[in-house]
N, C-alpha and C. Protein backbone atom coordinates (compact mmCIF):
# COMPACT_ATOMS: atom_id res chain seq x y z
N MET A 1 5.23 6.32 -16.82
CA MET A 1 4.11 6.72 -16.79
C MET A 1 3.91 7.88 -15.34
N ALA A 2 3.27 8.86 -16.06
CA ALA A 2 3.34 9.84 -15.27
C ALA A 2 2.45 9.78 -14.36
N ASN A 3 2.72 10.80 -13.12
CA ASN A 3 2.34 10.51 -11.81
C ASN A 3 1.12 10.55 -11.82
N ASN A 4 0.22 11.37 -12.68
CA ASN A 4 -1.20 11.49 -12.66
C ASN A 4 -1.92 10.39 -13.35
N GLU A 5 -1.44 9.09 -13.94
CA GLU A 5 -2.00 8.07 -14.15
C GLU A 5 -2.55 7.02 -12.88
N PHE A 6 -1.82 7.00 -11.85
CA PHE A 6 -2.25 6.35 -10.31
C PHE A 6 -3.45 6.40 -9.67
N ILE A 7 -4.03 5.87 -9.66
CA ILE A 7 -5.40 6.00 -8.31
C ILE A 7 -4.82 5.90 -7.25
N GLU A 8 -5.14 7.11 -6.26
CA GLU A 8 -4.52 7.15 -4.32
C GLU A 8 -5.69 6.67 -3.95
N LYS A 9 -5.49 5.46 -2.58
CA LYS A 9 -6.59 5.60 -1.98
C LYS A 9 -5.65 5.28 -0.70
N GLU A 10 -6.64 5.14 0.14
CA GLU A 10 -6.42 5.16 1.74
C GLU A 10 -6.81 3.24 2.07
N GLY A 11 -5.74 2.99 3.61
CA GLY A 11 -6.21 1.77 4.06
C GLY A 11 -5.36 1.46 5.25
N THR A 12 -5.87 0.43 5.96
CA THR A 12 -5.41 -0.25 6.67
C THR A 12 -4.85 -1.67 6.31
N VAL A 13 -3.59 -1.95 7.15
CA VAL A 13 -2.37 -2.93 7.21
C VAL A 13 -3.42 -3.97 7.95
N ILE A 14 -3.74 -5.20 6.90
CA ILE A 14 -4.57 -6.20 8.08
C ILE A 14 -3.85 -7.77 8.33
N GLU A 15 -2.85 -7.60 7.54
CA GLU A 15 -1.70 -8.93 7.85
C GLU A 15 -0.61 -8.58 6.80
N ALA A 16 0.81 -9.41 7.38
CA ALA A 16 1.95 -9.04 6.93
C ALA A 16 2.36 -10.58 5.95
N LEU A 17 2.54 -10.76 4.87
CA LEU A 17 2.79 -11.38 3.81
C LEU A 17 4.06 -11.88 3.56
N PRO A 18 4.61 -12.90 3.00
CA PRO A 18 5.71 -12.90 3.01
C PRO A 18 6.55 -12.48 1.70
N GLY A 19 7.78 -12.18 1.44
CA GLY A 19 8.34 -11.36 0.27
C GLY A 19 7.88 -10.16 0.50
N GLY A 20 7.79 -9.79 2.05
CA GLY A 20 7.76 -8.20 1.57
C GLY A 20 6.14 -7.54 1.52
N LYS A 21 5.30 -8.34 1.02
CA LYS A 21 3.50 -7.76 0.91
C LYS A 21 2.80 -7.44 2.04
N PHE A 22 2.08 -7.32 1.76
CA PHE A 22 1.08 -6.98 2.69
C PHE A 22 -0.39 -6.63 1.93
N LYS A 23 -1.46 -7.37 3.04
CA LYS A 23 -2.92 -7.80 2.74
C LYS A 23 -3.25 -6.15 3.04
N ILE A 24 -3.93 -5.27 2.78
CA ILE A 24 -4.25 -4.62 2.87
C ILE A 24 -5.97 -4.35 2.64
N LEU A 25 -6.93 -3.78 3.81
CA LEU A 25 -8.15 -3.17 3.64
C LEU A 25 -8.19 -1.51 3.33
N LEU A 26 -8.67 -1.79 2.37
CA LEU A 26 -9.39 -0.26 1.90
C LEU A 26 -10.46 0.68 2.10
N GLU A 27 -10.70 1.58 2.47
CA GLU A 27 -11.54 2.23 3.20
C GLU A 27 -13.21 1.79 2.42
N ASP A 28 -13.28 1.67 1.40
CA ASP A 28 -14.26 0.50 0.83
C ASP A 28 -14.95 -0.56 0.75
N ASP A 29 -13.78 -0.55 2.04
CA ASP A 29 -13.79 -2.56 2.45
C ASP A 29 -13.54 -3.62 0.97
N VAL A 30 -12.59 -3.40 0.52
CA VAL A 30 -12.24 -4.12 -0.49
C VAL A 30 -10.58 -4.12 -0.13
N GLU A 31 -10.34 -5.58 0.21
CA GLU A 31 -9.05 -6.34 0.19
C GLU A 31 -7.90 -6.43 -0.66
N VAL A 32 -7.01 -6.12 -0.79
CA VAL A 32 -5.96 -5.78 -1.85
C VAL A 32 -4.60 -6.46 -1.25
N VAL A 33 -3.62 -6.76 -2.07
CA VAL A 33 -2.26 -6.94 -1.97
C VAL A 33 -1.54 -5.93 -2.08
N GLY A 34 -0.50 -5.00 -1.13
CA GLY A 34 0.40 -4.30 -1.66
C GLY A 34 1.88 -5.11 -1.41
N TYR A 35 2.78 -3.90 -1.92
CA TYR A 35 3.88 -3.91 -1.60
C TYR A 35 4.74 -2.58 -1.52
N LEU A 36 5.87 -2.57 -0.82
CA LEU A 36 6.83 -0.70 -0.78
C LEU A 36 7.22 -0.44 -1.85
N SER A 37 7.36 0.57 -1.85
CA SER A 37 7.57 1.26 -2.78
C SER A 37 8.91 1.46 -2.99
N GLY A 38 9.87 1.93 -3.90
CA GLY A 38 11.44 1.46 -3.46
C GLY A 38 12.15 2.65 -2.55
N LYS A 39 11.19 3.61 -2.12
CA LYS A 39 11.67 4.44 -1.20
C LYS A 39 11.51 4.16 0.63
N MET A 40 10.34 3.40 0.55
CA MET A 40 10.47 2.61 1.55
C MET A 40 11.02 1.88 2.41
N ARG A 41 11.71 0.79 1.09
CA ARG A 41 12.40 -0.20 1.12
C ARG A 41 13.88 0.69 1.74
N ARG A 42 14.03 1.37 0.55
CA ARG A 42 15.39 2.20 0.78
C ARG A 42 15.93 2.95 2.43
N PHE A 43 14.70 3.30 2.33
CA PHE A 43 14.86 4.22 4.25
C PHE A 43 14.56 3.08 4.68
N ARG A 44 13.76 1.94 5.32
CA ARG A 44 13.45 0.99 5.69
C ARG A 44 12.11 1.15 6.60
N ILE A 45 11.46 1.91 6.01
CA ILE A 45 10.25 2.13 6.80
C ILE A 45 9.20 0.84 7.45
N TRP A 46 8.93 0.78 8.68
CA TRP A 46 8.81 -0.45 9.11
C TRP A 46 7.01 -0.50 8.66
N ILE A 47 6.12 -1.35 8.64
CA ILE A 47 4.96 -1.06 8.47
C ILE A 47 4.55 -2.34 9.40
N LEU A 48 3.49 -2.13 10.33
CA LEU A 48 3.08 -3.11 11.12
C LEU A 48 1.70 -3.30 11.10
N ILE A 49 1.34 -4.26 11.36
CA ILE A 49 -0.33 -4.69 11.55
C ILE A 49 -1.15 -3.38 12.16
N GLY A 50 -2.01 -2.98 11.25
CA GLY A 50 -3.33 -2.01 11.94
C GLY A 50 -2.33 -0.46 11.69
N ASP A 51 -1.27 -0.25 11.17
CA ASP A 51 -0.88 1.10 10.45
C ASP A 51 -1.65 1.47 8.95
N LYS A 52 -2.24 2.92 9.42
CA LYS A 52 -2.74 2.90 8.58
C LYS A 52 -2.15 3.84 6.86
N VAL A 53 -2.21 3.52 5.67
CA VAL A 53 -1.50 3.58 4.63
C VAL A 53 -1.75 4.47 3.57
N LYS A 54 -1.07 4.75 2.58
CA LYS A 54 -1.44 5.86 1.35
C LYS A 54 -0.95 4.67 0.21
N VAL A 55 -1.77 4.15 -0.45
CA VAL A 55 -1.58 3.39 -1.93
C VAL A 55 -1.47 3.79 -3.05
N GLU A 56 -1.15 3.33 -3.98
CA GLU A 56 -1.07 3.97 -5.52
C GLU A 56 -1.82 2.54 -6.51
N PHE A 57 -2.68 2.89 -7.09
CA PHE A 57 -3.15 1.56 -7.84
C PHE A 57 -2.91 2.05 -9.62
N SER A 58 -2.20 1.34 -10.69
CA SER A 58 -2.41 1.04 -11.83
C SER A 58 -3.64 1.66 -12.18
N LYS A 59 -3.90 2.23 -13.06
CA LYS A 59 -5.64 2.33 -13.79
C LYS A 59 -5.95 0.83 -14.25
N TYR A 60 -4.87 -0.16 -14.84
CA TYR A 60 -5.19 -1.23 -15.38
C TYR A 60 -5.47 -2.53 -14.55
N ASP A 61 -4.65 -2.35 -12.87
CA ASP A 61 -4.90 -3.78 -12.25
C ASP A 61 -5.40 -3.51 -10.48
N ASN A 62 -6.18 -3.31 -10.80
CA ASN A 62 -6.68 -3.06 -9.06
C ASN A 62 -7.03 -4.04 -8.44
N SER A 63 -6.06 -4.87 -8.16
CA SER A 63 -5.79 -6.04 -7.10
C SER A 63 -4.51 -5.77 -6.81
N ASN A 64 -3.83 -5.29 -7.03
CA ASN A 64 -2.36 -4.88 -6.50
C ASN A 64 -1.98 -3.54 -6.51
N CYS A 65 -0.85 -3.38 -5.41
CA CYS A 65 -0.99 -1.81 -5.63
C CYS A 65 0.50 -1.63 -4.48
N ARG A 66 1.04 -0.47 -4.53
CA ARG A 66 2.08 0.47 -4.02
C ARG A 66 1.90 0.77 -3.01
N ILE A 67 2.58 0.34 -1.69
CA ILE A 67 2.16 1.53 -0.56
C ILE A 67 3.52 2.71 -0.21
N THR A 68 3.08 3.61 -0.50
CA THR A 68 3.57 4.81 -0.89
C THR A 68 3.82 5.80 0.22
N TYR A 69 3.10 5.33 1.70
CA TYR A 69 3.08 6.66 2.44
C TYR A 69 2.42 5.90 3.57
N ARG A 70 3.33 5.83 5.27
CA ARG A 70 2.69 5.30 6.70
C ARG A 70 2.40 6.57 7.32
N TYR A 71 1.18 6.76 8.04
CA TYR A 71 0.56 7.65 8.19
C TYR A 71 0.96 7.26 9.70
N LYS A 72 1.80 8.72 10.62
CA LYS A 72 1.98 8.63 11.58
C LYS A 72 0.82 8.43 12.68
N LYS A 73 1.13 7.57 13.83
CA LYS A 73 -0.06 7.27 14.80
C LYS A 73 -0.07 8.25 16.04
């Protein structure tokens, strides 16, 4: 898939789930489940409750997303 086939949104982490997944509240008040992207896992970027993150959605599935960036506080 080319990079332009993803939908990018921003949200806030509201809960940490088992298996490296997180519940995220998007800016448009929708809750989704997200997982860390490979580079974030590789470089051990910590995600905590309350962190603002950028997520990517596939155009086919709007309930699961990939966390690609954590904004600095």
